[in-house]
Amino acid sequence: IIIMPQFSDIDKIYRIAAYRGEKATMNTRDILLLSSMMFTFFVTGYLIKKRKIRRERDWT
């Protein structure tokens, strides 16, 4: 069985691929807020786990 590609809508596909939309921008305040929240959640999780491991001597 030979499968032939369908080229009937190749111009539509080309237009979609060539489309240059508006650049997505984030302002600096949002980036700093996101970074600080990620850092806070990571450190909080790390400290909670560290405290839990210290409380339980037989954790392994």
PDB file of N, CA and C in Angstrom:
ATOM      1  N   ILE A   1       0.854  -1.171   0.000  1.00  0.00           N
ATOM      2  CA  ILE A   1       0.000   0.000   0.000  1.00  0.00           C
ATOM      3  C   ILE A   1       0.895   1.226   0.000  1.00  0.00           C
ATOM      4  N   ILE A   2       0.657   2.088  -0.921  1.00  0.00           N
ATOM      5  CA  ILE A   2       1.409   3.339  -1.024  1.00  0.00           C
ATOM      6  C   ILE A   2       0.519   4.463  -0.511  1.00  0.00           C
ATOM      7  N   ILE A   3       1.045   5.221   0.417  1.00  0.00           N
ATOM      8  CA  ILE A   3       0.296   6.349   0.971  1.00  0.00           C
ATOM      9  C   ILE A   3       0.860   7.623   0.366  1.00  0.00           C
ATOM     10  N   MET A   4       0.017   8.330  -0.321  1.00  0.00           N
ATOM     11  CA  MET A   4       0.434   9.577  -0.955  1.00  0.00           C
ATOM     12  C   MET A   4       0.076  10.752  -0.046  1.00  0.00           C
ATOM     13  N   PRO A   5       1.001  11.671   0.138  1.00  0.00           N
ATOM     14  CA  PRO A   5       0.678  12.846   0.960  1.00  0.00           C
ATOM     15  C   PRO A   5      -0.338  13.743   0.255  1.00  0.00           C
ATOM     16  N   GLN A   6      -1.125  14.406   1.028  1.00  0.00           N
ATOM     17  CA  GLN A   6      -2.143  15.302   0.490  1.00  0.00           C
ATOM     18  C   GLN A   6      -1.608  16.733   0.525  1.00  0.00           C
ATOM     19  N   PHE A   7      -1.518  17.353  -0.620  1.00  0.00           N
ATOM     20  CA  PHE A   7      -0.976  18.700  -0.714  1.00  0.00           C
ATOM     21  C   PHE A   7      -2.038  19.738  -1.056  1.00  0.00           C
ATOM     22  N   SER A   8      -3.281  19.415  -0.890  1.00  0.00           N
ATOM     23  CA  SER A   8      -4.333  20.344  -1.298  1.00  0.00           C
ATOM     24  C   SER A   8      -4.374  21.603  -0.433  1.00  0.00           C
ATOM     25  N   ASP A   9      -4.006  21.496   0.835  1.00  0.00           N
ATOM     26  CA  ASP A   9      -4.053  22.651   1.734  1.00  0.00           C
ATOM     27  C   ASP A   9      -2.665  23.146   2.112  1.00  0.00           C
ATOM     28  N   ILE A  10      -1.689  22.935   1.240  1.00  0.00           N
ATOM     29  CA  ILE A  10      -0.320  23.320   1.569  1.00  0.00           C
ATOM     30  C   ILE A  10      -0.185  24.835   1.726  1.00  0.00           C
ATOM     31  N   ASP A  11      -0.962  25.615   0.983  1.00  0.00           N
ATOM     32  CA  ASP A  11      -0.867  27.075   1.106  1.00  0.00           C
ATOM     33  C   ASP A  11      -1.386  27.543   2.463  1.00  0.00           C
ATOM     34  N   LYS A  12      -2.419  26.899   2.988  1.00  0.00           N
ATOM     35  CA  LYS A  12      -2.933  27.254   4.317  1.00  0.00           C
ATOM     36  C   LYS A  12      -1.913  26.908   5.395  1.00  0.00           C
ATOM     37  N   ILE A  13      -1.297  25.750   5.251  1.00  0.00           N
ATOM     38  CA  ILE A  13      -0.278  25.330   6.224  1.00  0.00           C
ATOM     39  C   ILE A  13       0.902  26.295   6.189  1.00  0.00           C
ATOM     40  N   TYR A  14       1.309  26.714   4.991  1.00  0.00           N
ATOM     41  CA  TYR A  14       2.416  27.660   4.871  1.00  0.00           C
ATOM     42  C   TYR A  14       2.075  28.989   5.526  1.00  0.00           C
ATOM     43  N   ARG A  15       0.850  29.482   5.316  1.00  0.00           N
ATOM     44  CA  ARG A  15       0.451  30.753   5.928  1.00  0.00           C
ATOM     45  C   ARG A  15       0.448  30.657   7.445  1.00  0.00           C
ATOM     46  N   ILE A  16      -0.014  29.531   7.985  1.00  0.00           N
ATOM     47  CA  ILE A  16      -0.011  29.347   9.444  1.00  0.00           C
ATOM     48  C   ILE A  16       1.421  29.318   9.965  1.00  0.00           C
ATOM     49  N   ALA A  17       2.311  28.614   9.258  1.00  0.00           N
ATOM     50  CA  ALA A  17       3.704  28.502   9.698  1.00  0.00           C
ATOM     51  C   ALA A  17       4.446  29.828   9.582  1.00  0.00           C
ATOM     52  N   ALA A  18       4.100  30.630   8.592  1.00  0.00           N
ATOM     53  CA  ALA A  18       4.803  31.887   8.364  1.00  0.00           C
ATOM     54  C   ALA A  18       4.252  33.037   9.197  1.00  0.00           C
ATOM     55  N   TYR A  19       3.152  32.832   9.880  1.00  0.00           N
ATOM     56  CA  TYR A  19       2.514  33.904  10.647  1.00  0.00           C
ATOM     57  C   TYR A  19       3.405  34.337  11.800  1.00  0.00           C
ATOM     58  N   ARG A  20       3.622  35.605  11.899  1.00  0.00           N
ATOM     59  CA  ARG A  20       4.397  36.177  13.006  1.00  0.00           C
ATOM     60  C   ARG A  20       3.437  36.964  13.885  1.00  0.00           C
ATOM     61  N   GLY A  21       3.087  36.394  15.013  1.00  0.00           N
ATOM     62  CA  GLY A  21       2.163  37.063  15.921  1.00  0.00           C
ATOM     63  C   GLY A  21       2.878  38.076  16.786  1.00  0.00           C
ATOM     64  N   GLU A  22       2.131  38.681  17.657  1.00  0.00           N
ATOM     65  CA  GLU A  22       2.731  39.630  18.586  1.00  0.00           C
ATOM     66  C   GLU A  22       3.611  38.875  19.573  1.00  0.00           C
ATOM     67  N   LYS A  23       4.694  39.500  19.940  1.00  0.00           N
ATOM     68  CA  LYS A  23       5.588  38.877  20.911  1.00  0.00           C
ATOM     69  C   LYS A  23       4.943  38.913  22.285  1.00  0.00           C
ATOM     70  N   ALA A  24       5.035  37.786  22.972  1.00  0.00           N
ATOM     71  CA  ALA A  24       4.504  37.726  24.331  1.00  0.00           C
ATOM     72  C   ALA A  24       5.514  38.393  25.265  1.00  0.00           C
ATOM     73  N   THR A  25       5.066  39.372  25.988  1.00  0.00           N
ATOM     74  CA  THR A  25       5.966  40.081  26.885  1.00  0.00           C
ATOM     75  C   THR A  25       5.460  39.973  28.315  1.00  0.00           C
ATOM     76  N   MET A  26       6.396  39.911  29.224  1.00  0.00           N
ATOM     77  CA  MET A  26       6.084  39.947  30.652  1.00  0.00           C
ATOM     78  C   MET A  26       6.853  41.117  31.229  1.00  0.00           C
ATOM     79  N   ASN A  27       6.205  41.851  32.095  1.00  0.00           N
ATOM     80  CA  ASN A  27       6.954  42.953  32.684  1.00  0.00           C
ATOM     81  C   ASN A  27       7.846  42.424  33.807  1.00  0.00           C
ATOM     82  N   THR A  28       8.807  43.222  34.182  1.00  0.00           N
ATOM     83  CA  THR A  28       9.825  42.820  35.147  1.00  0.00           C
ATOM     84  C   THR A  28       9.218  42.497  36.502  1.00  0.00           C
ATOM     85  N   ARG A  29       8.180  43.210  36.876  1.00  0.00           N
ATOM     86  CA  ARG A  29       7.546  42.976  38.176  1.00  0.00           C
ATOM     87  C   ARG A  29       6.961  41.566  38.262  1.00  0.00           C
ATOM     88  N   ASP A  30       6.319  41.114  37.202  1.00  0.00           N
ATOM     89  CA  ASP A  30       5.752  39.764  37.193  1.00  0.00           C
ATOM     90  C   ASP A  30       6.832  38.694  37.259  1.00  0.00           C
ATOM     91  N   ILE A  31       7.928  38.911  36.552  1.00  0.00           N
ATOM     92  CA  ILE A  31       9.032  37.946  36.569  1.00  0.00           C
ATOM     93  C   ILE A  31       9.640  37.864  37.964  1.00  0.00           C
ATOM     94  N   LEU A  32       9.853  39.003  38.604  1.00  0.00           N
ATOM     95  CA  LEU A  32      10.413  39.008  39.959  1.00  0.00           C
ATOM     96  C   LEU A  32       9.464  38.359  40.954  1.00  0.00           C
ATOM     97  N   LEU A  33       8.169  38.616  40.819  1.00  0.00           N
ATOM     98  CA  LEU A  33       7.186  38.002  41.700  1.00  0.00           C
ATOM     99  C   LEU A  33       7.190  36.487  41.541  1.00  0.00           C
ATOM    100  N   LEU A  34       7.186  36.008  40.309  1.00  0.00           N
ATOM    101  CA  LEU A  34       7.203  34.572  40.056  1.00  0.00           C
ATOM    102  C   LEU A  34       8.474  33.928  40.599  1.00  0.00           C
ATOM    103  N   SER A  35       9.617  34.544  40.358  1.00  0.00           N
ATOM    104  CA  SER A  35      10.895  34.006  40.839  1.00  0.00           C
ATOM    105  C   SER A  35      10.941  33.956  42.359  1.00  0.00           C
ATOM    106  N   SER A  36      10.487  35.010  43.010  1.00  0.00           N
ATOM    107  CA  SER A  36      10.528  35.036  44.475  1.00  0.00           C
ATOM    108  C   SER A  36       9.564  34.013  45.073  1.00  0.00           C
ATOM    109  N   MET A  37       8.404  33.824  44.449  1.00  0.00           N
ATOM    110  CA  MET A  37       7.469  32.817  44.954  1.00  0.00           C
ATOM    111  C   MET A  37       8.035  31.410  44.789  1.00  0.00           C
ATOM    112  N   MET A  38       8.659  31.133  43.644  1.00  0.00           N
ATOM    113  CA  MET A  38       9.264  29.816  43.434  1.00  0.00           C
ATOM    114  C   MET A  38      10.368  29.566  44.457  1.00  0.00           C
ATOM    115  N   PHE A  39      11.201  30.564  44.689  1.00  0.00           N
ATOM    116  CA  PHE A  39      12.276  30.431  45.669  1.00  0.00           C
ATOM    117  C   PHE A  39      11.712  30.200  47.066  1.00  0.00           C
ATOM    118  N   THR A  40      10.683  30.952  47.437  1.00  0.00           N
ATOM    119  CA  THR A  40      10.070  30.817  48.758  1.00  0.00           C
ATOM    120  C   THR A  40       9.478  29.431  48.955  1.00  0.00           C
ATOM    121  N   PHE A  41       8.742  28.940  47.965  1.00  0.00           N
ATOM    122  CA  PHE A  41       8.146  27.609  48.083  1.00  0.00           C
ATOM    123  C   PHE A  41       9.209  26.519  48.148  1.00  0.00           C
ATOM    124  N   PHE A  42      10.284  26.654  47.375  1.00  0.00           N
ATOM    125  CA  PHE A  42      11.354  25.667  47.402  1.00  0.00           C
ATOM    126  C   PHE A  42      12.032  25.633  48.764  1.00  0.00           C
ATOM    127  N   VAL A  43      12.388  26.801  49.287  1.00  0.00           N
ATOM    128  CA  VAL A  43      13.067  26.867  50.589  1.00  0.00           C
ATOM    129  C   VAL A  43      12.148  26.367  51.699  1.00  0.00           C
ATOM    130  N   THR A  44      10.868  26.724  51.651  1.00  0.00           N
ATOM    131  CA  THR A  44       9.914  26.262  52.659  1.00  0.00           C
ATOM    132  C   THR A  44       9.804  24.747  52.637  1.00  0.00           C
ATOM    133  N   GLY A  45       9.664  24.154  51.458  1.00  0.00           N
ATOM    134  CA  GLY A  45       9.592  22.696  51.347  1.00  0.00           C
ATOM    135  C   GLY A  45      10.861  22.029  51.832  1.00  0.00           C
ATOM    136  N   TYR A  46      12.011  22.612  51.506  1.00  0.00           N
ATOM    137  CA  TYR A  46      13.286  22.059  51.947  1.00  0.00           C
ATOM    138  C   TYR A  46      13.396  22.089  53.468  1.00  0.00           C
ATOM    139  N   LEU A  47      13.046  23.211  54.071  1.00  0.00           N
ATOM    140  CA  LEU A  47      13.154  23.326  55.527  1.00  0.00           C
ATOM    141  C   LEU A  47      12.171  22.406  56.244  1.00  0.00           C
ATOM    142  N   ILE A  48      10.958  22.265  55.712  1.00  0.00           N
ATOM    143  CA  ILE A  48       9.984  21.354  56.324  1.00  0.00           C
ATOM    144  C   ILE A  48      10.500  19.924  56.266  1.00  0.00           C
ATOM    145  N   LYS A  49      11.044  19.519  55.126  1.00  0.00           N
ATOM    146  CA  LYS A  49      11.570  18.158  54.989  1.00  0.00           C
ATOM    147  C   LYS A  49      12.772  17.955  55.900  1.00  0.00           C
ATOM    148  N   LYS A  50      13.640  18.956  56.000  1.00  0.00           N
ATOM    149  CA  LYS A  50      14.817  18.854  56.862  1.00  0.00           C
ATOM    150  C   LYS A  50      14.398  18.696  58.322  1.00  0.00           C
ATOM    151  N   ARG A  51      13.396  19.478  58.729  1.00  0.00           N
ATOM    152  CA  ARG A  51      12.903  19.386  60.105  1.00  0.00           C
ATOM    153  C   ARG A  51      12.270  18.024  60.379  1.00  0.00           C
ATOM    154  N   LYS A  52      11.537  17.501  59.413  1.00  0.00           N
ATOM    155  CA  LYS A  52      10.902  16.197  59.566  1.00  0.00           C
ATOM    156  C   LYS A  52      11.954  15.094  59.674  1.00  0.00           C
ATOM    157  N   ILE A  53      13.011  15.178  58.886  1.00  0.00           N
ATOM    158  CA  ILE A  53      14.073  14.173  58.936  1.00  0.00           C
ATOM    159  C   ILE A  53      14.801  14.237  60.270  1.00  0.00           C
ATOM    160  N   ARG A  54      15.034  15.423  60.797  1.00  0.00           N
ATOM    161  CA  ARG A  54      15.707  15.549  62.093  1.00  0.00           C
ATOM    162  C   ARG A  54      14.866  14.976  63.221  1.00  0.00           C
ATOM    163  N   ARG A  55      13.537  15.131  63.118  1.00  0.00           N
ATOM    164  CA  ARG A  55      12.649  14.595  64.150  1.00  0.00           C
ATOM    165  C   ARG A  55      12.619  13.080  64.132  1.00  0.00           C
ATOM    166  N   GLU A  56      12.641  12.498  62.954  1.00  0.00           N
ATOM    167  CA  GLU A  56      12.581  11.046  62.824  1.00  0.00           C
ATOM    168  C   GLU A  56      13.983  10.518  62.580  1.00  0.00           C
ATOM    169  N   ARG A  57      14.514   9.814  63.552  1.00  0.00           N
ATOM    170  CA  ARG A  57      15.867   9.287  63.413  1.00  0.00           C
ATOM    171  C   ARG A  57      15.917   8.111  62.439  1.00  0.00           C
ATOM    172  N   ASP A  58      14.839   7.341  62.340  1.00  0.00           N
ATOM    173  CA  ASP A  58      14.828   6.142  61.499  1.00  0.00           C
ATOM    174  C   ASP A  58      14.090   6.410  60.192  1.00  0.00           C
ATOM    175  N   TRP A  59      14.413   7.459  59.475  1.00  0.00           N
ATOM    176  CA  TRP A  59      13.672   7.831  58.275  1.00  0.00           C
ATOM    177  C   TRP A  59      14.104   7.045  57.044  1.00  0.00           C
ATOM    178  N   THR A  60      15.229   6.329  57.123  1.00  0.00           N
ATOM    179  CA  THR A  60      15.637   5.518  55.963  1.00  0.00           C
ATOM    180  C   THR A  60      15.377   4.063  56.190  1.00  0.00           C
TER     181      THR A  60
END
